[in-house]
């Protein structure tokens, strides 16, 4: 049961990363400054680090 819950958390985390990157590229396109790679953007990197810390803490609580 815990493994299924952990996998669900990881899948939701990965989907949120791609959703955030898509939102960043859409907002940059509206502002006129289109970046080639939004995945390597500073805001996206910060988002990934913060959410990774939250995911790791929640997985540690489940174990």
PDB file of N, CA and C in Angstrom:
ATOM      1  N   UNK A   1       0.829  -1.196   0.000  1.00  0.00           N
ATOM      2  CA  UNK A   1       0.000   0.000   0.000  1.00  0.00           C
ATOM      3  C   UNK A   1       0.871   1.256   0.000  1.00  0.00           C
ATOM      4  N   UNK A   2       1.926   1.244   0.823  1.00  0.00           N
ATOM      5  CA  UNK A   2       2.804   2.406   0.883  1.00  0.00           C
ATOM      6  C   UNK A   2       3.548   2.619  -0.424  1.00  0.00           C
ATOM      7  N   UNK A   3       3.937   1.522  -1.083  1.00  0.00           N
ATOM      8  CA  UNK A   3       4.663   1.659  -2.345  1.00  0.00           C
ATOM      9  C   UNK A   3       3.762   2.265  -3.405  1.00  0.00           C
ATOM     10  N   UNK A   4       2.502   1.868  -3.432  1.00  0.00           N
ATOM     11  CA  UNK A   4       1.556   2.435  -4.384  1.00  0.00           C
ATOM     12  C   UNK A   4       1.346   3.920  -4.123  1.00  0.00           C
ATOM     13  N   UNK A   5       1.263   4.293  -2.882  1.00  0.00           N
ATOM     14  CA  UNK A   5       1.105   5.699  -2.519  1.00  0.00           C
ATOM     15  C   UNK A   5       2.346   6.509  -2.879  1.00  0.00           C
ATOM     16  N   UNK A   6       3.521   5.943  -2.662  1.00  0.00           N
ATOM     17  CA  UNK A   6       4.774   6.617  -3.018  1.00  0.00           C
ATOM     18  C   UNK A   6       4.864   6.808  -4.526  1.00  0.00           C
ATOM     19  N   UNK A   7       4.511   5.779  -5.300  1.00  0.00           N
ATOM     20  CA  UNK A   7       4.518   5.899  -6.754  1.00  0.00           C
ATOM     21  C   UNK A   7       3.534   6.950  -7.241  1.00  0.00           C
ATOM     22  N   UNK A   8       2.389   7.015  -6.611  1.00  0.00           N
ATOM     23  CA  UNK A   8       1.394   8.032  -6.972  1.00  0.00           C
ATOM     24  C   UNK A   8       1.931   9.437  -6.697  1.00  0.00           C
ATOM     25  N   UNK A   9       2.594   9.623  -5.579  1.00  0.00           N
ATOM     26  CA  UNK A   9       3.180  10.920  -5.240  1.00  0.00           C
ATOM     27  C   UNK A   9       4.249  11.307  -6.256  1.00  0.00           C
ATOM     28  N   UNK A  10       5.086  10.362  -6.651  1.00  0.00           N
ATOM     29  CA  UNK A  10       6.156  10.644  -7.612  1.00  0.00           C
ATOM     30  C   UNK A  10       5.578  10.989  -8.980  1.00  0.00           C
ATOM     31  N   UNK A  11       4.550  10.279  -9.410  1.00  0.00           N
ATOM     32  CA  UNK A  11       3.922  10.571 -10.714  1.00  0.00           C
ATOM     33  C   UNK A  11       3.286  11.953 -10.701  1.00  0.00           C
ATOM     34  N   UNK A  12       2.598  12.293  -9.644  1.00  0.00           N
ATOM     35  CA  UNK A  12       1.988  13.619  -9.537  1.00  0.00           C
ATOM     36  C   UNK A  12       3.072  14.694  -9.520  1.00  0.00           C
ATOM     37  N   UNK A  13       4.181  14.421  -8.851  1.00  0.00           N
ATOM     38  CA  UNK A  13       5.294  15.372  -8.814  1.00  0.00           C
ATOM     39  C   UNK A  13       5.865  15.602 -10.205  1.00  0.00           C
ATOM     40  N   UNK A  14       6.089  14.527 -10.961  1.00  0.00           N
ATOM     41  CA  UNK A  14       6.618  14.664 -12.320  1.00  0.00           C
ATOM     42  C   UNK A  14       5.652  15.419 -13.223  1.00  0.00           C
ATOM     43  N   UNK A  15       4.371  15.131 -13.106  1.00  0.00           N
ATOM     44  CA  UNK A  15       3.385  15.857 -13.910  1.00  0.00           C
ATOM     45  C   UNK A  15       3.348  17.341 -13.546  1.00  0.00           C
ATOM     46  N   UNK A  16       3.530  17.645 -12.270  1.00  0.00           N
ATOM     47  CA  UNK A  16       3.522  19.049 -11.866  1.00  0.00           C
ATOM     48  C   UNK A  16       4.735  19.793 -12.409  1.00  0.00           C
ATOM     49  N   UNK A  17       5.876  19.112 -12.535  1.00  0.00           N
ATOM     50  CA  UNK A  17       7.062  19.751 -13.110  1.00  0.00           C
ATOM     51  C   UNK A  17       6.812  20.129 -14.560  1.00  0.00           C
ATOM     52  N   UNK A  18       6.267  19.187 -15.334  1.00  0.00           N
ATOM     53  CA  UNK A  18       6.007  19.476 -16.737  1.00  0.00           C
ATOM     54  C   UNK A  18       4.907  20.512 -16.925  1.00  0.00           C
ATOM     55  N   UNK A  19       3.915  20.507 -16.042  1.00  0.00           N
ATOM     56  CA  UNK A  19       2.870  21.520 -16.099  1.00  0.00           C
ATOM     57  C   UNK A  19       3.436  22.897 -15.789  1.00  0.00           C
ATOM     58  N   UNK A  20       4.307  22.987 -14.792  1.00  0.00           N
ATOM     59  CA  UNK A  20       4.928  24.261 -14.451  1.00  0.00           C
ATOM     60  C   UNK A  20       5.797  24.767 -15.595  1.00  0.00           C
ATOM     61  N   UNK A  21       6.560  23.859 -16.233  1.00  0.00           N
ATOM     62  CA  UNK A  21       7.405  24.258 -17.356  1.00  0.00           C
ATOM     63  C   UNK A  21       6.553  24.730 -18.533  1.00  0.00           C
ATOM     64  N   UNK A  22       5.443  24.065 -18.772  1.00  0.00           N
ATOM     65  CA  UNK A  22       4.545  24.491 -19.856  1.00  0.00           C
ATOM     66  C   UNK A  22       3.954  25.862 -19.557  1.00  0.00           C
ATOM     67  N   UNK A  23       3.571  26.087 -18.306  1.00  0.00           N
ATOM     68  CA  UNK A  23       3.031  27.388 -17.922  1.00  0.00           C
ATOM     69  C   UNK A  23       4.082  28.483 -18.075  1.00  0.00           C
ATOM     70  N   UNK A  24       5.338  28.174 -17.698  1.00  0.00           N
ATOM     71  CA  UNK A  24       6.427  29.159 -17.838  1.00  0.00           C
ATOM     72  C   UNK A  24       6.670  29.500 -19.299  1.00  0.00           C
ATOM     73  N   UNK A  25       6.648  28.493 -20.175  1.00  0.00           N
ATOM     74  CA  UNK A  25       6.874  28.775 -21.597  1.00  0.00           C
ATOM     75  C   UNK A  25       5.718  29.563 -22.167  1.00  0.00           C
ATOM     76  N   UNK A  26       4.499  29.284 -21.732  1.00  0.00           N
ATOM     77  CA  UNK A  26       3.340  30.034 -22.206  1.00  0.00           C
ATOM     78  C   UNK A  26       3.391  31.487 -21.740  1.00  0.00           C
ATOM     79  N   UNK A  27       3.771  31.710 -20.483  1.00  0.00           N
ATOM     80  CA  UNK A  27       3.834  33.079 -19.978  1.00  0.00           C
ATOM     81  C   UNK A  27       4.986  33.853 -20.617  1.00  0.00           C
ATOM     82  N   UNK A  28       6.108  33.170 -20.895  1.00  0.00           N
ATOM     83  CA  UNK A  28       7.217  33.845 -21.568  1.00  0.00           C
ATOM     84  C   UNK A  28       6.865  34.172 -23.008  1.00  0.00           C
ATOM     85  N   UNK A  29       6.090  33.311 -23.655  1.00  0.00           N
ATOM     86  CA  UNK A  29       5.671  33.583 -25.033  1.00  0.00           C
ATOM     87  C   UNK A  29       4.737  34.777 -25.083  1.00  0.00           C
ATOM     88  N   UNK A  30       3.893  34.940 -24.081  1.00  0.00           N
ATOM     89  CA  UNK A  30       2.995  36.090 -24.040  1.00  0.00           C
ATOM     90  C   UNK A  30       3.763  37.377 -23.788  1.00  0.00           C
ATOM     91  N   UNK A  31       4.843  37.302 -23.026  1.00  0.00           N
ATOM     92  CA  UNK A  31       5.647  38.491 -22.742  1.00  0.00           C
ATOM     93  C   UNK A  31       6.594  38.832 -23.873  1.00  0.00           C
ATOM     94  N   UNK A  32       6.753  37.932 -24.820  1.00  0.00           N
ATOM     95  CA  UNK A  32       7.616  38.203 -25.960  1.00  0.00           C
ATOM     96  C   UNK A  32       9.025  37.709 -25.795  1.00  0.00           C
ATOM     97  N   UNK A  33       9.370  37.141 -24.670  1.00  0.00           N
ATOM     98  CA  UNK A  33      10.718  36.612 -24.480  1.00  0.00           C
ATOM     99  C   UNK A  33      10.656  35.096 -24.439  1.00  0.00           C
ATOM    100  N   UNK A  34      10.762  34.501 -25.596  1.00  0.00           N
ATOM    101  CA  UNK A  34      10.659  33.057 -25.693  1.00  0.00           C
ATOM    102  C   UNK A  34      12.021  32.439 -25.390  1.00  0.00           C
ATOM    103  N   UNK A  35      12.045  31.565 -24.417  1.00  0.00           N
ATOM    104  CA  UNK A  35      13.267  30.858 -24.052  1.00  0.00           C
ATOM    105  C   UNK A  35      13.300  29.521 -24.786  1.00  0.00           C
ATOM    106  N   UNK A  36      14.482  29.111 -25.183  1.00  0.00           N
ATOM    107  CA  UNK A  36      14.606  27.849 -25.902  1.00  0.00           C
ATOM    108  C   UNK A  36      14.280  26.681 -24.991  1.00  0.00           C
ATOM    109  N   UNK A  37      14.792  26.698 -23.776  1.00  0.00           N
ATOM    110  CA  UNK A  37      14.556  25.605 -22.854  1.00  0.00           C
ATOM    111  C   UNK A  37      14.047  26.144 -21.526  1.00  0.00           C
ATOM    112  N   UNK A  38      12.812  25.853 -21.232  1.00  0.00           N
ATOM    113  CA  UNK A  38      12.221  26.312 -19.977  1.00  0.00           C
ATOM    114  C   UNK A  38      12.589  25.366 -18.840  1.00  0.00           C
ATOM    115  N   UNK A  39      12.949  24.135 -19.173  1.00  0.00           N
ATOM    116  CA  UNK A  39      13.317  23.166 -18.141  1.00  0.00           C
ATOM    117  C   UNK A  39      14.565  23.622 -17.393  1.00  0.00           C
ATOM    118  N   UNK A  40      15.471  24.335 -18.070  1.00  0.00           N
ATOM    119  CA  UNK A  40      16.712  24.792 -17.431  1.00  0.00           C
ATOM    120  C   UNK A  40      16.616  26.233 -16.943  1.00  0.00           C
ATOM    121  N   UNK A  41      15.409  26.714 -16.737  1.00  0.00           N
ATOM    122  CA  UNK A  41      15.172  28.060 -16.245  1.00  0.00           C
ATOM    123  C   UNK A  41      15.391  28.082 -14.730  1.00  0.00           C
ATOM    124  N   UNK A  42      15.792  29.240 -14.193  1.00  0.00           N
ATOM    125  CA  UNK A  42      16.041  29.345 -12.742  1.00  0.00           C
ATOM    126  C   UNK A  42      14.778  29.114 -11.921  1.00  0.00           C
ATOM    127  N   UNK A  43      13.657  29.649 -12.376  1.00  0.00           N
ATOM    128  CA  UNK A  43      12.403  29.468 -11.634  1.00  0.00           C
ATOM    129  C   UNK A  43      11.974  28.005 -11.644  1.00  0.00           C
ATOM    130  N   UNK A  44      12.153  27.340 -12.768  1.00  0.00           N
ATOM    131  CA  UNK A  44      11.793  25.927 -12.849  1.00  0.00           C
ATOM    132  C   UNK A  44      12.715  25.086 -11.979  1.00  0.00           C
ATOM    133  N   UNK A  45      13.994  25.407 -11.970  1.00  0.00           N
ATOM    134  CA  UNK A  45      14.931  24.678 -11.099  1.00  0.00           C
ATOM    135  C   UNK A  45      14.573  24.858  -9.629  1.00  0.00           C
ATOM    136  N   UNK A  46      14.196  26.064  -9.247  1.00  0.00           N
ATOM    137  CA  UNK A  46      13.780  26.313  -7.864  1.00  0.00           C
ATOM    138  C   UNK A  46      12.522  25.526  -7.527  1.00  0.00           C
ATOM    139  N   UNK A  47      11.576  25.510  -8.467  1.00  0.00           N
ATOM    140  CA  UNK A  47      10.337  24.757  -8.264  1.00  0.00           C
ATOM    141  C   UNK A  47      10.630  23.279  -8.063  1.00  0.00           C
ATOM    142  N   UNK A  48      11.520  22.734  -8.876  1.00  0.00           N
ATOM    143  CA  UNK A  48      11.873  21.320  -8.775  1.00  0.00           C
ATOM    144  C   UNK A  48      12.535  21.025  -7.434  1.00  0.00           C
ATOM    145  N   UNK A  49      13.448  21.876  -6.996  1.00  0.00           N
ATOM    146  CA  UNK A  49      14.153  21.639  -5.728  1.00  0.00           C
ATOM    147  C   UNK A  49      13.200  21.707  -4.536  1.00  0.00           C
ATOM    148  N   UNK A  50      12.333  22.682  -4.508  1.00  0.00           N
ATOM    149  CA  UNK A  50      11.411  22.828  -3.376  1.00  0.00           C
ATOM    150  C   UNK A  50      10.420  21.672  -3.346  1.00  0.00           C
ATOM    151  N   UNK A  51       9.853  21.338  -4.494  1.00  0.00           N
ATOM    152  CA  UNK A  51       8.885  20.244  -4.501  1.00  0.00           C
ATOM    153  C   UNK A  51       9.568  18.893  -4.247  1.00  0.00           C
ATOM    154  N   UNK A  52      10.825  18.742  -4.667  1.00  0.00           N
ATOM    155  CA  UNK A  52      11.551  17.504  -4.374  1.00  0.00           C
ATOM    156  C   UNK A  52      11.750  17.339  -2.879  1.00  0.00           C
ATOM    157  N   UNK A  53      12.044  18.425  -2.200  1.00  0.00           N
ATOM    158  CA  UNK A  53      12.201  18.361  -0.745  1.00  0.00           C
ATOM    159  C   UNK A  53      10.879  17.973  -0.081  1.00  0.00           C
ATOM    160  N   UNK A  54       9.785  18.520  -0.563  1.00  0.00           N
ATOM    161  CA  UNK A  54       8.470  18.186  -0.004  1.00  0.00           C
ATOM    162  C   UNK A  54       8.137  16.724  -0.270  1.00  0.00           C
ATOM    163  N   UNK A  55       8.434  16.254  -1.476  1.00  0.00           N
ATOM    164  CA  UNK A  55       8.159  14.852  -1.821  1.00  0.00           C
ATOM    165  C   UNK A  55       9.017  13.921  -0.965  1.00  0.00           C
ATOM    166  N   UNK A  56      10.281  14.242  -0.790  1.00  0.00           N
ATOM    167  CA  UNK A  56      11.132  13.387   0.040  1.00  0.00           C
ATOM    168  C   UNK A  56      10.674  13.330   1.493  1.00  0.00           C
ATOM    169  N   UNK A  57      10.254  14.449   2.025  1.00  0.00           N
ATOM    170  CA  UNK A  57       9.771  14.461   3.403  1.00  0.00           C
ATOM    171  C   UNK A  57       8.488  13.634   3.515  1.00  0.00           C
ATOM    172  N   UNK A  58       7.609  13.766   2.544  1.00  0.00           N
ATOM    173  CA  UNK A  58       6.354  12.981   2.611  1.00  0.00           C
ATOM    174  C   UNK A  58       6.625  11.495   2.447  1.00  0.00           C
ATOM    175  N   UNK A  59       7.621  11.118   1.610  1.00  0.00           N
ATOM    176  CA  UNK A  59       7.969   9.708   1.474  1.00  0.00           C
ATOM    177  C   UNK A  59       8.599   9.185   2.768  1.00  0.00           C
ATOM    178  N   UNK A  60       9.414   9.991   3.420  1.00  0.00           N
ATOM    179  CA  UNK A  60      10.001   9.560   4.688  1.00  0.00           C
ATOM    180  C   UNK A  60       8.941   9.343   5.764  1.00  0.00           C
ATOM    181  N   UNK A  61       7.887  10.141   5.754  1.00  0.00           N
ATOM    182  CA  UNK A  61       6.803   9.943   6.702  1.00  0.00           C
ATOM    183  C   UNK A  61       6.016   8.673   6.403  1.00  0.00           C
ATOM    184  N   UNK A  62       5.979   8.275   5.120  1.00  0.00           N
ATOM    185  CA  UNK A  62       5.245   7.064   4.765  1.00  0.00           C
ATOM    186  C   UNK A  62       6.016   5.799   5.089  1.00  0.00           C
ATOM    187  N   UNK A  63       7.332   5.910   5.150  1.00  0.00           N
ATOM    188  CA  UNK A  63       8.147   4.712   5.428  1.00  0.00           C
ATOM    189  C   UNK A  63       8.161   4.416   6.876  1.00  0.00           C
TER     190      UNK A  63
END
